[in-house]
C-alpha atoms as a PDB file:
ATOM      1  CA  MET A   1      -9.227  17.589  18.835  1.00  0.00           C
ATOM      2  CA  LEU A   2      -7.190  17.736  15.319  1.00  0.00           C
ATOM      3  CA  SER A   3      -8.873  19.244  12.124  1.00  0.00           C
ATOM      4  CA  ILE A   4      -7.552  17.634   8.955  1.00  0.00           C
ATOM      5  CA  ILE A   5      -7.694  20.264   5.805  1.00  0.00           C
ATOM      6  CA  ILE A   6      -7.426  18.753   2.571  1.00  0.00           C
ATOM      7  CA  PRO A   7      -7.164  21.175  -0.226  1.00  0.00           C
ATOM      8  CA  THR A   8      -9.213  19.248  -3.317  1.00  0.00           C
ATOM      9  CA  LEU A   9      -9.170  19.706  -7.247  1.00  0.00           C
ATOM     10  CA  ASN A  10     -10.538  16.337  -8.888  1.00  0.00           C
ATOM     11  CA  GLU A  11      -8.775  13.962  -6.601  1.00  0.00           C
ATOM     12  CA  GLU A  12     -11.235  11.234  -6.952  1.00  0.00           C
ATOM     13  CA  LYS A  13      -8.287   8.802  -7.261  1.00  0.00           C
ATOM     14  CA  TYR A  14      -6.335   9.651  -4.736  1.00  0.00           C
ATOM     15  CA  LEU A  15      -8.727  11.194  -2.061  1.00  0.00           C
ATOM     16  CA  PRO A  16      -9.991   7.393  -1.028  1.00  0.00           C
ATOM     17  CA  ARG A  17      -6.231   6.543  -0.558  1.00  0.00           C
ATOM     18  CA  LEU A  18      -5.733   8.920   2.030  1.00  0.00           C
ATOM     19  CA  LEU A  19      -9.014   9.225   3.600  1.00  0.00           C
ATOM     20  CA  GLU A  20      -8.944   5.176   4.041  1.00  0.00           C
ATOM     21  CA  SER A  21      -5.346   5.850   5.352  1.00  0.00           C
ATOM     22  CA  ILE A  22      -6.703   8.403   7.985  1.00  0.00           C
ATOM     23  CA  LYS A  23      -9.584   6.067   8.589  1.00  0.00           C
ATOM     24  CA  THR A  24      -7.500   3.469   9.914  1.00  0.00           C
ATOM     25  CA  GLN A  25      -5.529   5.180  12.187  1.00  0.00           C
ATOM     26  CA  ASP A  26      -5.670   4.793  16.532  1.00  0.00           C
ATOM     27  CA  LEU A  27      -6.613   8.161  16.390  1.00  0.00           C
ATOM     28  CA  LYS A  28      -9.713   9.081  16.212  1.00  0.00           C
ATOM     29  CA  ASP A  29     -11.085  12.332  18.189  1.00  0.00           C
ATOM     30  CA  TYR A  30     -10.144  14.408  14.524  1.00  0.00           C
ATOM     31  CA  GLU A  31     -12.485  15.819  11.810  1.00  0.00           C
ATOM     32  CA  ILE A  32     -12.123  16.090   8.339  1.00  0.00           C
ATOM     33  CA  ILE A  33     -12.150  19.229   6.352  1.00  0.00           C
ATOM     34  CA  VAL A  34     -12.087  19.038   2.513  1.00  0.00           C
ATOM     35  CA  ALA A  35     -11.590  22.197   0.879  1.00  0.00           C
ATOM     36  CA  ASP A  36     -12.407  21.626  -2.915  1.00  0.00           C
ATOM     37  CA  SER A  37     -11.763  24.325  -5.999  1.00  0.00           C
ATOM     38  CA  ASN A  38     -15.251  23.463  -7.972  1.00  0.00           C
ATOM     39  CA  SER A  39     -14.022  20.122  -8.962  1.00  0.00           C
ATOM     40  CA  ILE A  40     -15.735  17.955 -11.644  1.00  0.00           C
ATOM     41  CA  ASP A  41     -15.267  14.441 -10.799  1.00  0.00           C
ATOM     42  CA  LYS A  42     -16.084  12.073  -7.642  1.00  0.00           C
ATOM     43  CA  THR A  43     -14.022  14.474  -5.391  1.00  0.00           C
ATOM     44  CA  ILE A  44     -17.097  15.680  -3.401  1.00  0.00           C
ATOM     45  CA  GLU A  45     -19.404  12.616  -3.827  1.00  0.00           C
ATOM     46  CA  ILE A  46     -16.216  10.852  -2.584  1.00  0.00           C
ATOM     47  CA  ALA A  47     -15.229  13.199   1.202  1.00  0.00           C
ATOM     48  CA  LYS A  48     -19.349  12.752   2.011  1.00  0.00           C
ATOM     49  CA  ASN A  49     -18.762   8.784   2.264  1.00  0.00           C
ATOM     50  CA  TYR A  50     -16.070   9.832   4.770  1.00  0.00           C
ATOM     51  CA  ASN A  51     -17.908  12.015   6.681  1.00  0.00           C
ATOM     52  CA  CYS A  52     -15.992  14.983   5.596  1.00  0.00           C
ATOM     53  CA  LYS A  53     -16.868  18.409   5.893  1.00  0.00           C
ATOM     54  CA  ILE A  54     -17.033  20.488   2.586  1.00  0.00           C
ATOM     55  CA  THR A  55     -15.892  24.102   2.234  1.00  0.00           C
ATOM     56  CA  LYS A  56     -15.054  25.933  -0.694  1.00  0.00           C
ATOM     57  CA  GLY A  57     -11.298  25.930  -2.054  1.00  0.00           C
ATOM     58  CA  GLY A  58      -9.032  27.663  -4.713  1.00  0.00           C
ATOM     59  CA  MET A  59      -5.388  27.357  -5.008  1.00  0.00           C
ATOM     60  CA  PRO A  60      -3.991  25.926  -1.784  1.00  0.00           C
ATOM     61  CA  GLY A  61      -3.073  28.642   0.246  1.00  0.00           C
ATOM     62  CA  ILE A  62      -6.598  29.427  -0.040  1.00  0.00           C
ATOM     63  CA  ALA A  63      -7.909  25.970   0.708  1.00  0.00           C
ATOM     64  CA  ARG A  64      -6.298  25.516   3.500  1.00  0.00           C
ATOM     65  CA  ASN A  65      -7.764  28.731   5.104  1.00  0.00           C
ATOM     66  CA  GLU A  66     -11.061  28.089   4.049  1.00  0.00           C
ATOM     67  CA  GLY A  67     -10.806  24.423   5.798  1.00  0.00           C
ATOM     68  CA  ALA A  68      -9.040  26.584   9.180  1.00  0.00           C
ATOM     69  CA  LYS A  69     -12.436  28.631   9.243  1.00  0.00           C
ATOM     70  CA  ILE A  70     -14.265  25.909   9.864  1.00  0.00           C
ATOM     71  CA  ALA A  71     -12.171  23.918  11.935  1.00  0.00           C
ATOM     72  CA  GLN A  72     -13.386  22.779  15.170  1.00  0.00           C
ATOM     73  CA  GLY A  73      -9.864  21.631  16.226  1.00  0.00           C
ATOM     74  CA  GLU A  74      -6.999  23.275  18.836  1.00  0.00           C
ATOM     75  CA  LEU A  75      -5.105  21.580  16.295  1.00  0.00           C
ATOM     76  CA  LEU A  76      -5.183  21.740  12.771  1.00  0.00           C
ATOM     77  CA  LEU A  77      -3.030  19.048  10.003  1.00  0.00           C
ATOM     78  CA  PHE A  78      -2.650  20.259   6.701  1.00  0.00           C
ATOM     79  CA  LEU A  79      -2.031  17.917   3.871  1.00  0.00           C
ATOM     80  CA  ASP A  80      -2.291  17.694   0.467  1.00  0.00           C
ATOM     81  CA  ALA A  81      -4.622  15.282  -0.974  1.00  0.00           C
ATOM     82  CA  ASP A  82      -2.091  13.060  -2.722  1.00  0.00           C
ATOM     83  CA  LEU A  83      -0.605  11.547   0.448  1.00  0.00           C
ATOM     84  CA  ILE A  84      -1.178   8.443   2.561  1.00  0.00           C
ATOM     85  CA  LEU A  85      -0.374   8.145   6.236  1.00  0.00           C
ATOM     86  CA  PRO A  86       1.466   5.084   7.510  1.00  0.00           C
ATOM     87  CA  GLU A  87      -0.009   3.298  10.560  1.00  0.00           C
ATOM     88  CA  GLY A  88       0.567   4.635  13.795  1.00  0.00           C
ATOM     89  CA  PHE A  89       1.034   7.939  11.668  1.00  0.00           C
ATOM     90  CA  LEU A  90      -1.112  10.429  13.542  1.00  0.00           C
ATOM     91  CA  ASN A  91      -0.699   9.403  17.162  1.00  0.00           C
ATOM     92  CA  LYS A  92       3.034   9.310  17.359  1.00  0.00           C
ATOM     93  CA  PHE A  93       2.791  13.188  15.547  1.00  0.00           C
ATOM     94  CA  LEU A  94       0.874  14.593  17.879  1.00  0.00           C
ATOM     95  CA  GLN A  95       2.968  12.641  20.831  1.00  0.00           C
ATOM     96  CA  LYS A  96       5.973  14.032  19.849  1.00  0.00           C
ATOM     97  CA  PHE A  97       4.660  17.710  18.377  1.00  0.00           C
ATOM     98  CA  GLU A  98       2.958  18.046  22.622  1.00  0.00           C
ATOM     99  CA  GLU A  99       5.904  16.541  24.130  1.00  0.00           C
ATOM    100  CA  LYS A 100       8.198  18.995  23.150  1.00  0.00           C
ATOM    101  CA  ARG A 101       5.793  21.784  23.124  1.00  0.00           C
ATOM    102  CA  LEU A 102       5.653  22.958  19.580  1.00  0.00           C
ATOM    103  CA  ALA A 103       3.546  25.905  17.850  1.00  0.00           C
ATOM    104  CA  ILE A 104       4.179  23.824  13.930  1.00  0.00           C
ATOM    105  CA  ALA A 105       5.711  20.799  12.848  1.00  0.00           C
ATOM    106  CA  SER A 106       6.529  18.911   9.977  1.00  0.00           C
ATOM    107  CA  THR A 107       7.934  15.297   9.040  1.00  0.00           C
ATOM    108  CA  ASP A 108       9.526  13.654   6.113  1.00  0.00           C
ATOM    109  CA  LEU A 109       8.497  12.068   3.295  1.00  0.00           C
ATOM    110  CA  ASP A 110       8.952   9.373   0.944  1.00  0.00           C
ATOM    111  CA  PHE A 111       7.345   8.964  -2.327  1.00  0.00           C
ATOM    112  CA  LEU A 112       5.172   6.246  -3.845  1.00  0.00           C
ATOM    113  CA  THR A 113       7.827   4.784  -6.613  1.00  0.00           C
ATOM    114  CA  ASP A 114      10.446   2.419  -6.717  1.00  0.00           C
ATOM    115  CA  ASN A 115      12.584   5.142  -9.406  1.00  0.00           C
ATOM    116  CA  LYS A 116      15.926   5.684  -7.649  1.00  0.00           C
ATOM    117  CA  ILE A 117      16.200   9.117  -8.589  1.00  0.00           C
ATOM    118  CA  PHE A 118      13.098  10.493  -7.388  1.00  0.00           C
ATOM    119  CA  LYS A 119      14.218   8.092  -3.710  1.00  0.00           C
ATOM    120  CA  PHE A 120      17.339  10.357  -3.398  1.00  0.00           C
ATOM    121  CA  GLY A 121      15.096  13.413  -3.978  1.00  0.00           C
ATOM    122  CA  ALA A 122      13.188  12.579  -1.094  1.00  0.00           C
ATOM    123  CA  HIS A 123      16.535  11.532   1.135  1.00  0.00           C
ATOM    124  CA  PHE A 124      17.932  14.642   0.344  1.00  0.00           C
ATOM    125  CA  THR A 125      15.031  16.634   0.523  1.00  0.00           C
ATOM    126  CA  ASN A 126      14.380  15.433   4.363  1.00  0.00           C
ATOM    127  CA  ILE A 127      18.027  15.720   5.033  1.00  0.00           C
ATOM    128  CA  LEU A 128      17.831  19.597   3.599  1.00  0.00           C
ATOM    129  CA  TYR A 129      14.585  20.981   5.840  1.00  0.00           C
ATOM    130  CA  LYS A 130      16.430  19.145   8.723  1.00  0.00           C
ATOM    131  CA  ALA A 131      19.807  21.167   8.236  1.00  0.00           C
ATOM    132  CA  THR A 132      18.253  24.424   7.672  1.00  0.00           C
ATOM    133  CA  GLU A 133      14.960  23.776  10.455  1.00  0.00           C
ATOM    134  CA  ARG A 134      16.648  26.638  12.780  1.00  0.00           C
ATOM    135  CA  PHE A 135      17.783  29.564  10.371  1.00  0.00           C
ATOM    136  CA  SER A 136      15.211  28.761   6.643  1.00  0.00           C
ATOM    137  CA  PRO A 137      13.076  26.181   7.860  1.00  0.00           C
ATOM    138  CA  GLY A 138      10.968  24.597   4.931  1.00  0.00           C
ATOM    139  CA  ILE A 139       8.090  22.166   5.613  1.00  0.00           C
ATOM    140  CA  THR A 140       6.385  19.986   3.688  1.00  0.00           C
ATOM    141  CA  GLU A 141       2.985  18.375   2.199  1.00  0.00           C
ATOM    142  CA  CYS A 142       1.786  17.481   5.976  1.00  0.00           C
ATOM    143  CA  ILE A 143       1.470  20.999   8.367  1.00  0.00           C
ATOM    144  CA  LEU A 144       0.847  20.378  12.101  1.00  0.00           C
ATOM    145  CA  ILE A 145       0.381  23.566  13.748  1.00  0.00           C
ATOM    146  CA  LYS A 146      -2.065  25.162  16.741  1.00  0.00           C
ATOM    147  CA  LYS A 147      -5.086  26.924  15.481  1.00  0.00           C
ATOM    148  CA  ASP A 148      -4.031  29.772  17.466  1.00  0.00           C
ATOM    149  CA  VAL A 149      -0.776  30.611  15.760  1.00  0.00           C
ATOM    150  CA  HIS A 150      -2.326  30.269  12.608  1.00  0.00           C
ATOM    151  CA  GLU A 151      -4.599  32.978  13.758  1.00  0.00           C
ATOM    152  CA  LYS A 152      -1.904  34.886  14.977  1.00  0.00           C
ATOM    153  CA  ILE A 153      -0.692  35.026  11.601  1.00  0.00           C
ATOM    154  CA  ASN A 154      -2.925  35.213   9.428  1.00  0.00           C
ATOM    155  CA  GLY A 155      -3.060  31.984   8.181  1.00  0.00           C
ATOM    156  CA  PHE A 156      -1.067  31.512   4.406  1.00  0.00           C
ATOM    157  CA  ASP A 157      -1.010  34.661   2.635  1.00  0.00           C
ATOM    158  CA  GLU A 158      -3.494  34.200  -0.215  1.00  0.00           C
ATOM    159  CA  LYS A 159      -1.401  36.192  -3.140  1.00  0.00           C
ATOM    160  CA  ILE A 160       1.661  33.998  -3.196  1.00  0.00           C
ATOM    161  CA  VAL A 161       1.630  31.954  -6.236  1.00  0.00           C
ATOM    162  CA  LEU A 162       3.801  29.300  -5.189  1.00  0.00           C
ATOM    163  CA  LEU A 163       6.045  28.449  -1.539  1.00  0.00           C
ATOM    164  CA  GLU A 164       3.073  30.207   0.898  1.00  0.00           C
ATOM    165  CA  ASP A 165       3.777  27.114   2.815  1.00  0.00           C
ATOM    166  CA  PHE A 166       7.632  28.229   3.098  1.00  0.00           C
ATOM    167  CA  ASP A 167       6.598  31.904   3.794  1.00  0.00           C
ATOM    168  CA  TYR A 168       3.843  30.150   5.935  1.00  0.00           C
ATOM    169  CA  ILE A 169       6.450  28.267   8.527  1.00  0.00           C
ATOM    170  CA  ARG A 170       8.372  31.594   8.622  1.00  0.00           C
ATOM    171  CA  ARG A 171       6.153  33.427   9.652  1.00  0.00           C
ATOM    172  CA  ALA A 172       5.049  31.121  12.291  1.00  0.00           C
ATOM    173  CA  VAL A 173       8.879  30.239  14.019  1.00  0.00           C
ATOM    174  CA  LYS A 174       8.076  33.970  14.644  1.00  0.00           C
ATOM    175  CA  ILE A 175       6.172  33.329  17.703  1.00  0.00           C
ATOM    176  CA  GLY A 176       6.360  29.238  18.527  1.00  0.00           C
ATOM    177  CA  LYS A 177       8.766  26.583  17.876  1.00  0.00           C
ATOM    178  CA  PHE A 178       9.097  24.386  15.289  1.00  0.00           C
ATOM    179  CA  GLU A 179      10.641  21.184  14.889  1.00  0.00           C
ATOM    180  CA  HIS A 180      10.831  18.406  11.675  1.00  0.00           C
ATOM    181  CA  PHE A 181      10.797  15.079  12.702  1.00  0.00           C
ATOM    182  CA  LYS A 182      12.851  13.116  10.592  1.00  0.00           C
ATOM    183  CA  ASP A 183      11.387  10.110  12.589  1.00  0.00           C
ATOM    184  CA  LEU A 184       8.625   9.934  10.809  1.00  0.00           C
ATOM    185  CA  LYS A 185       7.692  10.035   7.971  1.00  0.00           C
ATOM    186  CA  PHE A 186       4.488  10.021   5.436  1.00  0.00           C
ATOM    187  CA  TYR A 187       4.214   9.042   1.936  1.00  0.00           C
ATOM    188  CA  THR A 188       3.471  11.060  -1.562  1.00  0.00           C
ATOM    189  CA  SER A 189       3.099   9.927  -4.721  1.00  0.00           C
ATOM    190  CA  VAL A 190       5.241  11.822  -7.696  1.00  0.00           C
ATOM    191  CA  ARG A 191       3.105  12.718 -10.194  1.00  0.00           C
ATOM    192  CA  ARG A 192       4.256  16.214 -10.585  1.00  0.00           C
ATOM    193  CA  LEU A 193       7.651  14.864 -10.866  1.00  0.00           C
ATOM    194  CA  GLU A 194       6.355  12.374 -13.751  1.00  0.00           C
ATOM    195  CA  LYS A 195       4.091  15.022 -14.933  1.00  0.00           C
ATOM    196  CA  ASP A 196       6.204  17.976 -15.781  1.00  0.00           C
ATOM    197  CA  GLY A 197       9.670  16.545 -15.427  1.00  0.00           C
ATOM    198  CA  PHE A 198      12.143  15.387 -12.313  1.00  0.00           C
ATOM    199  CA  VAL A 199      14.784  18.274 -13.583  1.00  0.00           C
ATOM    200  CA  LYS A 200      12.437  20.669 -13.996  1.00  0.00           C
ATOM    201  CA  THR A 201      10.627  20.387 -10.975  1.00  0.00           C
ATOM    202  CA  THR A 202      13.427  20.590  -9.068  1.00  0.00           C
ATOM    203  CA  LEU A 203      15.111  23.901 -10.686  1.00  0.00           C
ATOM    204  CA  GLN A 204      11.717  25.397 -10.389  1.00  0.00           C
ATOM    205  CA  TYR A 205      11.764  24.869  -6.613  1.00  0.00           C
ATOM    206  CA  PHE A 206      15.491  25.846  -6.486  1.00  0.00           C
ATOM    207  CA  PHE A 207      15.049  28.945  -8.367  1.00  0.00           C
ATOM    208  CA  ALA A 208      12.248  29.956  -6.186  1.00  0.00           C
ATOM    209  CA  ASN A 209      13.770  29.405  -2.997  1.00  0.00           C
ATOM    210  CA  ILE A 210      16.623  31.467  -3.991  1.00  0.00           C
ATOM    211  CA  TYR A 211      13.875  34.698  -5.400  1.00  0.00           C
ATOM    212  CA  MET A 212      12.115  33.890  -2.683  1.00  0.00           C
ATOM    213  CA  PHE A 213      15.836  34.410  -0.693  1.00  0.00           C
ATOM    214  CA  LEU A 214      16.150  37.734  -2.252  1.00  0.00           C
ATOM    215  CA  PHE A 215      13.236  39.427  -2.950  1.00  0.00           C
ATOM    216  CA  GLY A 216      10.008  37.633  -0.382  1.00  0.00           C
ATOM    217  CA  PRO A 217       6.665  35.897  -1.264  1.00  0.00           C
ATOM    218  CA  ILE A 218       6.513  35.546  -4.923  1.00  0.00           C
ATOM    219  CA  LYS A 219       3.438  36.563  -5.966  1.00  0.00           C
ATOM    220  CA  THR A 220       3.614  37.034  -9.867  1.00  0.00           C
ATOM    221  CA  ASN A 221       3.400  33.717 -11.576  1.00  0.00           C
ATOM    222  CA  ILE A 222       7.169  33.792 -13.256  1.00  0.00           C
ATOM    223  CA  PHE A 223       8.080  29.812 -12.871  1.00  0.00           C
ATOM    224  CA  ASP A 224       4.762  29.032 -14.376  1.00  0.00           C
ATOM    225  CA  TYR A 225       3.435  27.070 -11.051  1.00  0.00           C
ATOM    226  CA  LYS A 226       0.065  24.490 -11.871  1.00  0.00           C
ATOM    227  CA  PHE A 227      -2.164  23.701  -9.929  1.00  0.00           C
ATOM    228  CA  GLY A 228      -4.383  20.238 -10.736  1.00  0.00           C
ATOM    229  CA  HIS A 229      -3.167  20.176 -14.172  1.00  0.00           C
ATOM    230  CA  TYR A 230      -3.098  16.144 -14.030  1.00  0.00           C
ATOM    231  CA  LEU A 231      -3.883  14.071 -16.523  1.00  0.00           C
ATOM    232  CA  ASP A 232      -4.305  10.960 -14.891  1.00  0.00           C
ATOM    233  CA  ASN A 233      -4.269  11.103 -11.116  1.00  0.00           C
ATOM    234  CA  GLY A 234      -3.840   7.026 -10.646  1.00  0.00           C
ATOM    235  CA  ASP A 235      -0.264   5.910  -8.833  1.00  0.00           C
ATOM    236  CA  SER A 236      -1.245   2.287  -9.209  1.00  0.00           C
ATOM    237  CA  LYS A 237       1.527   0.227  -8.637  1.00  0.00           C
ATOM    238  CA  HIS A 238       2.144   1.875  -5.465  1.00  0.00           C
ATOM    239  CA  GLU A 239      -1.057   2.081  -3.814  1.00  0.00           C
ATOM    240  CA  GLU A 240       0.001  -0.073  -0.507  1.00  0.00           C
ATOM    241  CA  VAL A 241       2.716   0.953   2.204  1.00  0.00           C
ATOM    242  CA  LYS A 242       4.689  -0.462   4.437  1.00  0.00           C
ATOM    243  CA  LYS A 243       3.572  -0.448   8.047  1.00  0.00           C
END
């Protein structure tokens, strides 16, 4: 069975889209775990309506770990709440994962926008992740991993403020094989890019990667990273995804 784990904080406008895209997948042998960080909107109500398991959350790394603690599946799929999965995504992802005998994997991403600059950013990110997967692996908001590997590396480091997922994968690849699939993609919102600005967000992650390379995991908030600070969670123009 697959355990899908979703960290949330006030995601009433995004979570239904993700859950609906999961519901319409061909794969049916899964459970959904929502790790919530004290949402004050309808996030929990929505999760219950979709028969999700609910557990406590926190910052993304903490929430993912809490979700993994109650997961029943042999495979864990960590998804951000503002994603949409295209038709057939889960079956294809799991099939490729099993065929290649991987321990951890991610896929290409695309943005839910027509903005050409944002689209270029997604395309460049995909090329970068594929090019560096063997010597400096990066990972997207969609992470598939064997549960026993997650447990062997003691999950996400909950002290890390930013790029906890990069630290996670770089520990995971020491004990198992990783691949970034360039022929499979999910869709994600551009809310952070719109809220914080494309240039600011790009530079934030660029310098954060340099810091991590030189000094190790980022355990103080020197890059002013914010979680769940969006006033408007809607992407009303881009709710549909091409099949």
